[in-house]
Amino acid sequence: MALPKSFSPFSIMEKLEETGLKDRNFEFLTDYTRQQLQSLFEAGEMLEPFWKDKLELMNGKVLATLFFQPSTRTRFSTEVAMVRLGGSVLSESNPTTSSSTAKGESLSDYLRTVSNYADIIALRHPNDKEVFESLGGARVPVISGGWGNVTHPTQGLLDVYTVYRALGRFEGIKVMIASSDLSRARSGHSFALGLAAMGAELLYIGTSENSIPDTILDKLKAAGAKFTVRNDLNQAGFLDSLMEVDVCYLPGCSVPKDDPAARAAFLDKIKPFYITLDMLQKVKSKTSKVVGIMHSLPRNDVEFDYAIDDSEFQLYFRQMAFSVPIRMALIAGMVGV
């Protein structure tokens, strides 16, 4: 029997070190190699037994969550992840009215200030340009909890991790990302970048009016991603495309509710992409494939049939559960243990 020198019991410390995350910001999934992401997923698996329990890996460490946009799942799961690791949390859910930014403090100075109180920062912000210009102010690693319309890497990370746990592989699988507004689909793009890094094939379904941002196209090409874009399909064309894939991802609507005209336009244009339980059963009968439906949530009732909730095709509620252990692995990797 020929065994490699590395043959030994699993070590969470070694697995986290392999991720290359320590002291780096978490901005785009394509910033990491396939092996680094694989190590992160394996660390997440090792932490899964503790996702509703407690470890002492981050004892004495502090996470600051600074959310300039509303959030339930991203903020709570990031904060819970730190608590499960034994650390503590400083939470700012509305900095524009309750922090010094309300008095005109720049984002750069705000990040530098918070760096004195925390060991890691999770930041959500509507303006990616302002964020990238201000990150130099931070003196601790910063997690993107969603910046502008281009990046939401922890959502992408948990989505890719869910595929990893559901299918156990990336090679040979094809994933559809469907939205009537791919110009704003930051969660879908982060998912795509993660899948590209891991070797999966992508099929974008969108509209010629609201296409993929150039920043994302450049990153997909640089990563050597195998991807196809189909625009302006009718529902028959959409169903034909659904026959080709293993997973379908719906990034949802990121148009704010205080812009009712734009939101109404989005919800109207998304109708050709509507997925019913009957469609998924038809795909299964023709291809023998159970196409998993993923969504970053919250959902809109014009996107897919709620009867999917209790079917074998539903992955969107399962994504939330997997978000805690993979964010535990991410935080522990970035802070270091």
C-alpha atoms as a PDB file:
ATOM      1  CA  MET A   1       0.000   0.000   0.000  1.00  0.00           C
ATOM      2  CA  ALA A   2       1.443   3.388  -1.053  1.00  0.00           C
ATOM      3  CA  LEU A   3       0.146   6.204   1.116  1.00  0.00           C
ATOM      4  CA  PRO A   4       0.847   9.939   0.595  1.00  0.00           C
ATOM      5  CA  LYS A   5       2.835  11.807   3.258  1.00  0.00           C
ATOM      6  CA  SER A   6      -0.323  13.789   4.054  1.00  0.00           C
ATOM      7  CA  PHE A   7      -2.208  10.636   5.100  1.00  0.00           C
ATOM      8  CA  SER A   8      -3.432  11.440   8.641  1.00  0.00           C
ATOM      9  CA  PRO A   9      -6.656  12.222  10.546  1.00  0.00           C
ATOM     10  CA  PHE A  10      -8.488  15.372   9.422  1.00  0.00           C
ATOM     11  CA  SER A  11      -7.419  18.641  11.099  1.00  0.00           C
ATOM     12  CA  ILE A  12      -9.692  21.693  10.970  1.00  0.00           C
ATOM     13  CA  MET A  13      -6.636  23.932  11.552  1.00  0.00           C
ATOM     14  CA  GLU A  14      -4.809  22.498   8.521  1.00  0.00           C
ATOM     15  CA  LYS A  15      -7.948  22.591   6.392  1.00  0.00           C
ATOM     16  CA  LEU A  16      -8.542  26.287   7.182  1.00  0.00           C
ATOM     17  CA  GLU A  17      -4.903  27.117   6.470  1.00  0.00           C
ATOM     18  CA  GLU A  18      -5.236  25.485   3.045  1.00  0.00           C
ATOM     19  CA  THR A  19      -8.007  27.968   2.137  1.00  0.00           C
ATOM     20  CA  GLY A  20      -5.561  30.895   1.918  1.00  0.00           C
ATOM     21  CA  LEU A  21      -8.216  33.159   3.458  1.00  0.00           C
ATOM     22  CA  LYS A  22      -6.308  34.502   6.472  1.00  0.00           C
ATOM     23  CA  ASP A  23      -6.092  38.310   6.658  1.00  0.00           C
ATOM     24  CA  ARG A  24      -7.601  38.762   3.150  1.00  0.00           C
ATOM     25  CA  ASN A  25     -10.829  40.509   2.178  1.00  0.00           C
ATOM     26  CA  PHE A  26     -13.540  38.275   0.695  1.00  0.00           C
ATOM     27  CA  GLU A  27     -14.635  40.064  -2.498  1.00  0.00           C
ATOM     28  CA  PHE A  28     -14.994  37.681  -5.470  1.00  0.00           C
ATOM     29  CA  LEU A  29     -15.042  33.866  -5.511  1.00  0.00           C
ATOM     30  CA  THR A  30     -12.708  33.852  -8.518  1.00  0.00           C
ATOM     31  CA  ASP A  31     -10.015  35.358  -6.262  1.00  0.00           C
ATOM     32  CA  TYR A  32      -9.496  31.799  -4.959  1.00  0.00           C
ATOM     33  CA  THR A  33      -8.289  28.623  -6.616  1.00  0.00           C
ATOM     34  CA  ARG A  34     -10.393  25.523  -7.044  1.00  0.00           C
ATOM     35  CA  GLN A  35      -8.300  23.731  -4.391  1.00  0.00           C
ATOM     36  CA  GLN A  36      -8.697  26.615  -1.906  1.00  0.00           C
ATOM     37  CA  LEU A  37     -12.493  26.567  -2.312  1.00  0.00           C
ATOM     38  CA  GLN A  38     -12.494  22.777  -2.052  1.00  0.00           C
ATOM     39  CA  SER A  39     -10.596  23.061   1.265  1.00  0.00           C
ATOM     40  CA  LEU A  40     -13.145  25.644   2.440  1.00  0.00           C
ATOM     41  CA  PHE A  41     -16.024  23.286   1.593  1.00  0.00           C
ATOM     42  CA  GLU A  42     -14.302  20.433   3.444  1.00  0.00           C
ATOM     43  CA  ALA A  43     -13.826  22.743   6.464  1.00  0.00           C
ATOM     44  CA  GLY A  44     -17.542  23.590   6.237  1.00  0.00           C
ATOM     45  CA  GLU A  45     -18.406  19.893   6.301  1.00  0.00           C
ATOM     46  CA  MET A  46     -16.240  19.421   9.410  1.00  0.00           C
ATOM     47  CA  LEU A  47     -18.128  22.275  11.133  1.00  0.00           C
ATOM     48  CA  GLU A  48     -21.640  21.135  10.127  1.00  0.00           C
ATOM     49  CA  PRO A  49     -22.200  19.088  13.342  1.00  0.00           C
ATOM     50  CA  PHE A  50     -21.827  22.360  15.294  1.00  0.00           C
ATOM     51  CA  TRP A  51     -24.085  24.653  13.211  1.00  0.00           C
ATOM     52  CA  LYS A  52     -26.643  24.678  16.019  1.00  0.00           C
ATOM     53  CA  ASP A  53     -24.128  24.024  18.804  1.00  0.00           C
ATOM     54  CA  LYS A  54     -21.007  25.867  19.950  1.00  0.00           C
ATOM     55  CA  LEU A  55     -17.248  25.676  19.495  1.00  0.00           C
ATOM     56  CA  GLU A  56     -14.493  27.812  21.009  1.00  0.00           C
ATOM     57  CA  LEU A  57     -12.516  28.464  17.808  1.00  0.00           C
ATOM     58  CA  MET A  58     -13.155  32.253  17.902  1.00  0.00           C
ATOM     59  CA  ASN A  59     -13.209  32.750  21.670  1.00  0.00           C
ATOM     60  CA  GLY A  60     -12.501  36.436  22.416  1.00  0.00           C
ATOM     61  CA  LYS A  61     -12.818  37.493  18.764  1.00  0.00           C
ATOM     62  CA  VAL A  62     -15.356  40.100  17.573  1.00  0.00           C
ATOM     63  CA  LEU A  63     -17.298  40.381  14.296  1.00  0.00           C
ATOM     64  CA  ALA A  64     -18.776  43.779  13.290  1.00  0.00           C
ATOM     65  CA  THR A  65     -21.689  43.654  10.827  1.00  0.00           C
ATOM     66  CA  LEU A  66     -22.238  46.971   9.004  1.00  0.00           C
ATOM     67  CA  PHE A  67     -25.315  46.744   6.789  1.00  0.00           C
ATOM     68  CA  PHE A  68     -26.208  49.839   4.740  1.00  0.00           C
ATOM     69  CA  GLN A  69     -28.965  47.823   3.008  1.00  0.00           C
ATOM     70  CA  PRO A  70     -31.705  45.626   4.505  1.00  0.00           C
ATOM     71  CA  SER A  71     -30.938  41.966   5.127  1.00  0.00           C
ATOM     72  CA  THR A  72     -32.333  39.046   7.083  1.00  0.00           C
ATOM     73  CA  ARG A  73     -30.522  35.906   5.918  1.00  0.00           C
ATOM     74  CA  THR A  74     -27.046  37.318   5.207  1.00  0.00           C
ATOM     75  CA  ARG A  75     -26.767  39.337   8.422  1.00  0.00           C
ATOM     76  CA  PHE A  76     -28.313  36.764  10.752  1.00  0.00           C
ATOM     77  CA  SER A  77     -26.412  33.785   9.341  1.00  0.00           C
ATOM     78  CA  THR A  78     -23.097  35.682   9.453  1.00  0.00           C
ATOM     79  CA  GLU A  79     -23.732  36.744  13.059  1.00  0.00           C
ATOM     80  CA  VAL A  80     -24.895  33.264  14.083  1.00  0.00           C
ATOM     81  CA  ALA A  81     -21.799  31.751  12.487  1.00  0.00           C
ATOM     82  CA  MET A  82     -19.546  33.902  14.706  1.00  0.00           C
ATOM     83  CA  VAL A  83     -21.605  33.077  17.811  1.00  0.00           C
ATOM     84  CA  ARG A  84     -21.431  29.330  17.044  1.00  0.00           C
ATOM     85  CA  LEU A  85     -17.641  29.673  16.800  1.00  0.00           C
ATOM     86  CA  GLY A  86     -17.526  31.138  20.324  1.00  0.00           C
ATOM     87  CA  GLY A  87     -16.986  34.784  19.279  1.00  0.00           C
ATOM     88  CA  SER A  88     -19.175  37.856  19.770  1.00  0.00           C
ATOM     89  CA  VAL A  89     -20.886  40.356  17.447  1.00  0.00           C
ATOM     90  CA  LEU A  90     -21.252  44.143  17.117  1.00  0.00           C
ATOM     91  CA  SER A  91     -24.215  44.780  14.835  1.00  0.00           C
ATOM     92  CA  GLU A  92     -25.084  47.982  12.939  1.00  0.00           C
ATOM     93  CA  SER A  93     -28.191  47.439  10.819  1.00  0.00           C
ATOM     94  CA  ASN A  94     -28.770  51.058   9.771  1.00  0.00           C
ATOM     95  CA  PRO A  95     -25.452  52.967   9.789  1.00  0.00           C
ATOM     96  CA  THR A  96     -26.780  55.881   7.723  1.00  0.00           C
ATOM     97  CA  THR A  97     -28.901  57.051  10.652  1.00  0.00           C
ATOM     98  CA  SER A  98     -27.287  55.553  13.761  1.00  0.00           C
ATOM     99  CA  SER A  99     -23.518  55.790  13.177  1.00  0.00           C
ATOM    100  CA  SER A 100     -21.043  58.599  12.522  1.00  0.00           C
ATOM    101  CA  THR A 101     -21.675  58.224   8.783  1.00  0.00           C
ATOM    102  CA  ALA A 102     -24.905  60.146   9.515  1.00  0.00           C
ATOM    103  CA  LYS A 103     -22.594  63.042  10.524  1.00  0.00           C
ATOM    104  CA  GLY A 104     -20.685  62.840   7.263  1.00  0.00           C
ATOM    105  CA  GLU A 105     -17.888  60.412   8.170  1.00  0.00           C
ATOM    106  CA  SER A 106     -16.442  58.773   5.067  1.00  0.00           C
ATOM    107  CA  LEU A 107     -16.771  55.024   4.565  1.00  0.00           C
ATOM    108  CA  SER A 108     -12.980  54.717   4.683  1.00  0.00           C
ATOM    109  CA  ASP A 109     -12.771  56.413   8.089  1.00  0.00           C
ATOM    110  CA  TYR A 110     -15.759  54.395   9.322  1.00  0.00           C
ATOM    111  CA  LEU A 111     -14.019  51.133   8.418  1.00  0.00           C
ATOM    112  CA  ARG A 112     -10.785  52.287  10.060  1.00  0.00           C
ATOM    113  CA  THR A 113     -12.682  53.224  13.217  1.00  0.00           C
ATOM    114  CA  VAL A 114     -14.556  49.927  13.471  1.00  0.00           C
ATOM    115  CA  SER A 115     -11.268  48.057  12.888  1.00  0.00           C
ATOM    116  CA  ASN A 116     -10.251  49.192  16.392  1.00  0.00           C
ATOM    117  CA  TYR A 117     -13.149  47.300  17.939  1.00  0.00           C
ATOM    118  CA  ALA A 118     -13.472  44.192  15.768  1.00  0.00           C
ATOM    119  CA  ASP A 119     -11.297  41.382  14.383  1.00  0.00           C
ATOM    120  CA  ILE A 120     -13.345  41.043  11.186  1.00  0.00           C
ATOM    121  CA  ILE A 121     -16.029  43.149   9.426  1.00  0.00           C
ATOM    122  CA  ALA A 122     -19.001  42.071   7.300  1.00  0.00           C
ATOM    123  CA  LEU A 123     -20.138  44.988   5.101  1.00  0.00           C
ATOM    124  CA  ARG A 124     -23.230  45.380   2.914  1.00  0.00           C
ATOM    125  CA  HIS A 125     -23.361  48.541   0.811  1.00  0.00           C
ATOM    126  CA  PRO A 126     -25.311  49.722  -2.278  1.00  0.00           C
ATOM    127  CA  ASN A 127     -22.319  51.390  -3.985  1.00  0.00           C
ATOM    128  CA  ASP A 128     -19.569  48.982  -5.028  1.00  0.00           C
ATOM    129  CA  LYS A 129     -17.411  51.826  -6.426  1.00  0.00           C
ATOM    130  CA  GLU A 130     -17.427  53.633  -3.075  1.00  0.00           C
ATOM    131  CA  VAL A 131     -16.619  50.389  -1.262  1.00  0.00           C
ATOM    132  CA  PHE A 132     -13.617  49.542  -3.432  1.00  0.00           C
ATOM    133  CA  GLU A 133     -12.299  53.102  -3.004  1.00  0.00           C
ATOM    134  CA  SER A 134     -12.686  52.859   0.796  1.00  0.00           C
ATOM    135  CA  LEU A 135     -11.454  49.358   1.635  1.00  0.00           C
ATOM    136  CA  GLY A 136      -7.952  50.672   2.287  1.00  0.00           C
ATOM    137  CA  GLY A 137      -9.295  52.213   5.481  1.00  0.00           C
ATOM    138  CA  ALA A 138      -9.983  48.825   7.047  1.00  0.00           C
ATOM    139  CA  ARG A 139      -7.287  47.324   9.246  1.00  0.00           C
ATOM    140  CA  VAL A 140      -9.012  43.933   9.591  1.00  0.00           C
ATOM    141  CA  PRO A 141     -10.337  41.586   6.882  1.00  0.00           C
ATOM    142  CA  VAL A 142     -13.670  42.582   5.325  1.00  0.00           C
ATOM    143  CA  ILE A 143     -16.365  40.192   4.081  1.00  0.00           C
ATOM    144  CA  SER A 144     -18.586  41.424   1.265  1.00  0.00           C
ATOM    145  CA  GLY A 145     -22.181  40.970   2.391  1.00  0.00           C
ATOM    146  CA  GLY A 146     -23.224  42.400  -1.001  1.00  0.00           C
ATOM    147  CA  TRP A 147     -21.634  45.429  -2.721  1.00  0.00           C
ATOM    148  CA  GLY A 148     -23.588  47.270  -5.418  1.00  0.00           C
ATOM    149  CA  ASN A 149     -24.894  45.120  -8.273  1.00  0.00           C
ATOM    150  CA  VAL A 150     -21.728  43.145  -8.935  1.00  0.00           C
ATOM    151  CA  THR A 151     -20.709  40.998  -5.967  1.00  0.00           C
ATOM    152  CA  HIS A 152     -22.318  39.037  -3.141  1.00  0.00           C
ATOM    153  CA  PRO A 153     -19.683  36.340  -2.631  1.00  0.00           C
ATOM    154  CA  THR A 154     -20.947  34.790   0.619  1.00  0.00           C
ATOM    155  CA  GLN A 155     -24.348  34.192  -1.022  1.00  0.00           C
ATOM    156  CA  GLY A 156     -22.491  32.694  -3.974  1.00  0.00           C
ATOM    157  CA  LEU A 157     -20.333  30.664  -1.605  1.00  0.00           C
ATOM    158  CA  LEU A 158     -23.279  29.119   0.252  1.00  0.00           C
ATOM    159  CA  ASP A 159     -25.036  28.439  -3.062  1.00  0.00           C
ATOM    160  CA  VAL A 160     -21.995  26.650  -4.501  1.00  0.00           C
ATOM    161  CA  TYR A 161     -21.603  24.768  -1.195  1.00  0.00           C
ATOM    162  CA  THR A 162     -25.249  23.659  -1.434  1.00  0.00           C
ATOM    163  CA  VAL A 163     -24.603  22.265  -4.924  1.00  0.00           C
ATOM    164  CA  TYR A 164     -21.478  20.535  -3.585  1.00  0.00           C
ATOM    165  CA  ARG A 165     -23.494  18.926  -0.791  1.00  0.00           C
ATOM    166  CA  ALA A 166     -26.428  18.040  -3.074  1.00  0.00           C
ATOM    167  CA  LEU A 167     -24.503  16.612  -6.039  1.00  0.00           C
ATOM    168  CA  GLY A 168     -21.053  15.914  -4.577  1.00  0.00           C
ATOM    169  CA  ARG A 169     -19.265  17.203  -7.683  1.00  0.00           C
ATOM    170  CA  PHE A 170     -19.004  20.070 -10.162  1.00  0.00           C
ATOM    171  CA  GLU A 171     -17.459  18.461 -13.209  1.00  0.00           C
ATOM    172  CA  GLY A 172     -20.092  17.493 -15.760  1.00  0.00           C
ATOM    173  CA  ILE A 173     -22.948  19.524 -14.284  1.00  0.00           C
ATOM    174  CA  LYS A 174     -24.754  22.420 -15.961  1.00  0.00           C
ATOM    175  CA  VAL A 175     -26.422  25.241 -14.033  1.00  0.00           C
ATOM    176  CA  MET A 176     -28.966  27.752 -15.353  1.00  0.00           C
ATOM    177  CA  ILE A 177     -29.087  31.312 -13.984  1.00  0.00           C
ATOM    178  CA  ALA A 178     -32.333  32.957 -15.081  1.00  0.00           C
ATOM    179  CA  SER A 179     -33.509  36.529 -14.598  1.00  0.00           C
ATOM    180  CA  SER A 180     -35.200  39.246 -16.618  1.00  0.00           C
ATOM    181  CA  ASP A 181     -32.599  41.666 -15.184  1.00  0.00           C
ATOM    182  CA  LEU A 182     -29.106  40.174 -15.184  1.00  0.00           C
ATOM    183  CA  SER A 183     -27.678  43.692 -14.806  1.00  0.00           C
ATOM    184  CA  ARG A 184     -28.675  43.632 -11.105  1.00  0.00           C
ATOM    185  CA  ALA A 185     -28.341  39.903 -10.307  1.00  0.00           C
ATOM    186  CA  ARG A 186     -25.365  40.106  -7.929  1.00  0.00           C
ATOM    187  CA  SER A 187     -26.183  36.866  -6.091  1.00  0.00           C
ATOM    188  CA  GLY A 188     -26.526  34.990  -9.382  1.00  0.00           C
ATOM    189  CA  HIS A 189     -23.228  36.399 -10.650  1.00  0.00           C
ATOM    190  CA  SER A 190     -21.380  35.475  -7.454  1.00  0.00           C
ATOM    191  CA  PHE A 191     -22.824  31.956  -7.726  1.00  0.00           C
ATOM    192  CA  ALA A 192     -21.678  31.814 -11.367  1.00  0.00           C
ATOM    193  CA  LEU A 193     -18.142  32.915 -10.486  1.00  0.00           C
ATOM    194  CA  GLY A 194     -17.932  30.211  -7.820  1.00  0.00           C
ATOM    195  CA  LEU A 195     -19.234  27.551 -10.205  1.00  0.00           C
ATOM    196  CA  ALA A 196     -16.771  28.725 -12.857  1.00  0.00           C
ATOM    197  CA  ALA A 197     -13.907  28.382 -10.388  1.00  0.00           C
ATOM    198  CA  MET A 198     -15.028  24.823  -9.610  1.00  0.00           C
ATOM    199  CA  GLY A 199     -15.458  23.736 -13.256  1.00  0.00           C
ATOM    200  CA  ALA A 200     -19.262  23.635 -13.726  1.00  0.00           C
ATOM    201  CA  GLU A 201     -20.908  24.789 -16.995  1.00  0.00           C
ATOM    202  CA  LEU A 202     -23.200  27.842 -16.949  1.00  0.00           C
ATOM    203  CA  LEU A 203     -26.292  28.737 -18.958  1.00  0.00           C
ATOM    204  CA  TYR A 204     -27.476  32.335 -18.526  1.00  0.00           C
ATOM    205  CA  ILE A 205     -31.088  33.072 -19.492  1.00  0.00           C
ATOM    206  CA  GLY A 206     -31.947  36.786 -19.634  1.00  0.00           C
ATOM    207  CA  THR A 207     -33.061  39.702 -21.740  1.00  0.00           C
ATOM    208  CA  SER A 208     -31.099  41.775 -24.245  1.00  0.00           C
ATOM    209  CA  GLU A 209     -32.376  44.897 -22.472  1.00  0.00           C
ATOM    210  CA  ASN A 210     -30.764  44.079 -19.080  1.00  0.00           C
ATOM    211  CA  SER A 211     -27.593  42.155 -19.833  1.00  0.00           C
ATOM    212  CA  ILE A 212     -24.713  40.877 -17.689  1.00  0.00           C
ATOM    213  CA  PRO A 213     -22.347  43.646 -16.437  1.00  0.00           C
ATOM    214  CA  ASP A 214     -18.992  43.825 -18.239  1.00  0.00           C
ATOM    215  CA  THR A 215     -17.177  43.368 -14.901  1.00  0.00           C
ATOM    216  CA  ILE A 216     -18.761  39.930 -14.528  1.00  0.00           C
ATOM    217  CA  LEU A 217     -18.208  38.924 -18.165  1.00  0.00           C
ATOM    218  CA  ASP A 218     -14.525  39.859 -17.855  1.00  0.00           C
ATOM    219  CA  LYS A 219     -14.154  37.756 -14.697  1.00  0.00           C
ATOM    220  CA  LEU A 220     -15.932  34.757 -16.245  1.00  0.00           C
ATOM    221  CA  LYS A 221     -13.646  34.918 -19.295  1.00  0.00           C
ATOM    222  CA  ALA A 222     -10.543  35.356 -17.142  1.00  0.00           C
ATOM    223  CA  ALA A 223     -11.576  32.292 -15.122  1.00  0.00           C
ATOM    224  CA  GLY A 224     -11.913  30.258 -18.317  1.00  0.00           C
ATOM    225  CA  ALA A 225     -15.598  29.664 -17.596  1.00  0.00           C
ATOM    226  CA  LYS A 226     -17.658  27.582 -19.999  1.00  0.00           C
ATOM    227  CA  PHE A 227     -20.843  29.640 -20.325  1.00  0.00           C
ATOM    228  CA  THR A 228     -23.656  30.401 -22.786  1.00  0.00           C
ATOM    229  CA  VAL A 229     -26.080  33.354 -22.812  1.00  0.00           C
ATOM    230  CA  ARG A 230     -29.601  33.107 -24.275  1.00  0.00           C
ATOM    231  CA  ASN A 231     -31.785  36.204 -24.316  1.00  0.00           C
ATOM    232  CA  ASP A 232     -35.464  36.924 -24.909  1.00  0.00           C
ATOM    233  CA  LEU A 233     -36.755  33.325 -24.867  1.00  0.00           C
ATOM    234  CA  ASN A 234     -40.465  32.553 -24.810  1.00  0.00           C
ATOM    235  CA  GLN A 235     -41.738  30.021 -22.271  1.00  0.00           C
ATOM    236  CA  ALA A 236     -41.361  27.090 -24.694  1.00  0.00           C
ATOM    237  CA  GLY A 237     -37.724  28.055 -25.231  1.00  0.00           C
ATOM    238  CA  PHE A 238     -37.262  28.405 -21.501  1.00  0.00           C
ATOM    239  CA  LEU A 239     -38.656  24.894 -20.918  1.00  0.00           C
ATOM    240  CA  ASP A 240     -36.343  23.466 -23.594  1.00  0.00           C
ATOM    241  CA  SER A 241     -33.385  25.091 -21.834  1.00  0.00           C
ATOM    242  CA  LEU A 242     -34.539  23.675 -18.495  1.00  0.00           C
ATOM    243  CA  MET A 243     -34.216  20.188 -20.013  1.00  0.00           C
ATOM    244  CA  GLU A 244     -30.449  20.743 -20.377  1.00  0.00           C
ATOM    245  CA  VAL A 245     -29.534  21.605 -16.789  1.00  0.00           C
ATOM    246  CA  ASP A 246     -29.129  19.997 -13.373  1.00  0.00           C
ATOM    247  CA  VAL A 247     -29.899  23.100 -11.298  1.00  0.00           C
ATOM    248  CA  CYS A 248     -31.830  26.318 -11.990  1.00  0.00           C
ATOM    249  CA  TYR A 249     -30.946  29.448  -9.990  1.00  0.00           C
ATOM    250  CA  LEU A 250     -33.290  32.430  -9.687  1.00  0.00           C
ATOM    251  CA  PRO A 251     -31.512  35.538  -8.304  1.00  0.00           C
ATOM    252  CA  GLY A 252     -34.827  37.243  -7.493  1.00  0.00           C
ATOM    253  CA  CYS A 253     -35.615  40.944  -7.712  1.00  0.00           C
ATOM    254  CA  SER A 254     -33.088  43.427  -6.342  1.00  0.00           C
ATOM    255  CA  VAL A 255     -35.068  46.492  -7.458  1.00  0.00           C
ATOM    256  CA  PRO A 256     -35.974  48.374  -4.254  1.00  0.00           C
ATOM    257  CA  LYS A 257     -39.638  48.690  -3.294  1.00  0.00           C
ATOM    258  CA  ASP A 258     -39.301  52.486  -3.256  1.00  0.00           C
ATOM    259  CA  ASP A 259     -38.937  52.338  -7.057  1.00  0.00           C
ATOM    260  CA  PRO A 260     -42.384  50.897  -7.893  1.00  0.00           C
ATOM    261  CA  ALA A 261     -42.188  51.569 -11.652  1.00  0.00           C
ATOM    262  CA  ALA A 262     -38.888  49.705 -12.088  1.00  0.00           C
ATOM    263  CA  ARG A 263     -40.077  46.917  -9.805  1.00  0.00           C
ATOM    264  CA  ALA A 264     -43.331  46.490 -11.720  1.00  0.00           C
ATOM    265  CA  ALA A 265     -41.379  46.359 -14.996  1.00  0.00           C
ATOM    266  CA  PHE A 266     -39.091  43.651 -13.581  1.00  0.00           C
ATOM    267  CA  LEU A 267     -41.989  41.544 -12.329  1.00  0.00           C
ATOM    268  CA  ASP A 268     -43.744  41.850 -15.687  1.00  0.00           C
ATOM    269  CA  LYS A 269     -40.691  40.818 -17.699  1.00  0.00           C
ATOM    270  CA  ILE A 270     -39.954  37.821 -15.512  1.00  0.00           C
ATOM    271  CA  LYS A 271     -43.220  36.083 -16.460  1.00  0.00           C
ATOM    272  CA  PRO A 272     -41.714  33.998 -19.339  1.00  0.00           C
ATOM    273  CA  PHE A 273     -39.329  32.494 -16.741  1.00  0.00           C
ATOM    274  CA  TYR A 274     -42.118  31.295 -14.418  1.00  0.00           C
ATOM    275  CA  ILE A 275     -41.473  27.709 -13.245  1.00  0.00           C
ATOM    276  CA  THR A 276     -44.264  25.355 -12.251  1.00  0.00           C
ATOM    277  CA  LEU A 277     -44.117  22.016 -10.481  1.00  0.00           C
ATOM    278  CA  ASP A 278     -45.697  20.499 -13.596  1.00  0.00           C
ATOM    279  CA  MET A 279     -42.807  21.756 -15.737  1.00  0.00           C
ATOM    280  CA  LEU A 280     -40.231  20.164 -13.427  1.00  0.00           C
ATOM    281  CA  GLN A 281     -42.114  16.876 -13.413  1.00  0.00           C
ATOM    282  CA  LYS A 282     -42.257  17.014 -17.219  1.00  0.00           C
ATOM    283  CA  VAL A 283     -38.473  17.541 -17.359  1.00  0.00           C
ATOM    284  CA  LYS A 284     -37.962  14.583 -15.017  1.00  0.00           C
ATOM    285  CA  SER A 285     -40.201  12.308 -17.109  1.00  0.00           C
ATOM    286  CA  LYS A 286     -38.237  13.169 -20.291  1.00  0.00           C
ATOM    287  CA  THR A 287     -34.682  13.325 -18.920  1.00  0.00           C
ATOM    288  CA  SER A 288     -34.828  11.402 -15.570  1.00  0.00           C
ATOM    289  CA  LYS A 289     -33.252  14.497 -13.980  1.00  0.00           C
ATOM    290  CA  VAL A 290     -34.478  16.151 -10.790  1.00  0.00           C
ATOM    291  CA  VAL A 291     -33.673  19.791 -11.547  1.00  0.00           C
ATOM    292  CA  GLY A 292     -33.027  21.563  -8.259  1.00  0.00           C
ATOM    293  CA  ILE A 293     -34.575  25.030  -7.906  1.00  0.00           C
ATOM    294  CA  MET A 294     -32.441  27.545  -6.031  1.00  0.00           C
ATOM    295  CA  HIS A 295     -33.270  31.137  -5.062  1.00  0.00           C
ATOM    296  CA  SER A 296     -31.455  33.735  -2.973  1.00  0.00           C
ATOM    297  CA  LEU A 297     -34.805  34.801  -1.381  1.00  0.00           C
ATOM    298  CA  PRO A 298     -36.923  36.724  -0.618  1.00  0.00           C
ATOM    299  CA  ARG A 299     -39.088  35.516  -3.494  1.00  0.00           C
ATOM    300  CA  ASN A 300     -41.891  37.079  -5.493  1.00  0.00           C
ATOM    301  CA  ASP A 301     -45.025  35.127  -6.330  1.00  0.00           C
ATOM    302  CA  VAL A 302     -44.537  35.635 -10.090  1.00  0.00           C
ATOM    303  CA  GLU A 303     -41.227  33.722 -10.136  1.00  0.00           C
ATOM    304  CA  PHE A 304     -42.190  30.100  -9.422  1.00  0.00           C
ATOM    305  CA  ASP A 305     -44.953  27.848  -8.197  1.00  0.00           C
ATOM    306  CA  TYR A 306     -45.105  27.644  -4.383  1.00  0.00           C
ATOM    307  CA  ALA A 307     -46.160  23.979  -4.783  1.00  0.00           C
ATOM    308  CA  ILE A 308     -42.425  23.327  -5.359  1.00  0.00           C
ATOM    309  CA  ASP A 309     -41.827  24.085  -1.645  1.00  0.00           C
ATOM    310  CA  ASP A 310     -42.648  20.543  -0.530  1.00  0.00           C
ATOM    311  CA  SER A 311     -41.273  18.715  -3.555  1.00  0.00           C
ATOM    312  CA  GLU A 312     -38.005  16.939  -4.319  1.00  0.00           C
ATOM    313  CA  PHE A 313     -37.008  19.888  -6.540  1.00  0.00           C
ATOM    314  CA  GLN A 314     -36.797  22.441  -3.723  1.00  0.00           C
ATOM    315  CA  LEU A 315     -33.308  23.598  -2.681  1.00  0.00           C
ATOM    316  CA  TYR A 316     -33.977  27.238  -1.687  1.00  0.00           C
ATOM    317  CA  PHE A 317     -34.843  26.620   1.947  1.00  0.00           C
ATOM    318  CA  ARG A 318     -32.017  24.093   2.259  1.00  0.00           C
ATOM    319  CA  GLN A 319     -29.546  26.780   1.085  1.00  0.00           C
ATOM    320  CA  MET A 320     -30.228  28.783   4.264  1.00  0.00           C
ATOM    321  CA  ALA A 321     -29.298  25.897   6.548  1.00  0.00           C
ATOM    322  CA  PHE A 322     -25.992  25.334   4.737  1.00  0.00           C
ATOM    323  CA  SER A 323     -25.191  29.062   5.001  1.00  0.00           C
ATOM    324  CA  VAL A 324     -24.238  28.787   8.689  1.00  0.00           C
ATOM    325  CA  PRO A 325     -21.489  26.098   8.615  1.00  0.00           C
ATOM    326  CA  ILE A 326     -19.891  27.488   5.455  1.00  0.00           C
ATOM    327  CA  ARG A 327     -19.847  31.012   6.945  1.00  0.00           C
ATOM    328  CA  MET A 328     -18.348  29.524  10.132  1.00  0.00           C
ATOM    329  CA  ALA A 329     -15.545  28.095   7.993  1.00  0.00           C
ATOM    330  CA  LEU A 330     -15.142  31.421   6.150  1.00  0.00           C
ATOM    331  CA  ILE A 331     -14.850  33.524   9.328  1.00  0.00           C
ATOM    332  CA  ALA A 332     -12.469  31.068  11.016  1.00  0.00           C
ATOM    333  CA  GLY A 333     -10.335  30.976   7.869  1.00  0.00           C
ATOM    334  CA  MET A 334     -10.171  34.783   7.508  1.00  0.00           C
ATOM    335  CA  VAL A 335      -9.439  35.510  11.191  1.00  0.00           C
ATOM    336  CA  GLY A 336      -7.231  32.457  11.669  1.00  0.00           C
ATOM    337  CA  VAL A 337      -7.274  29.895  14.476  1.00  0.00           C
END
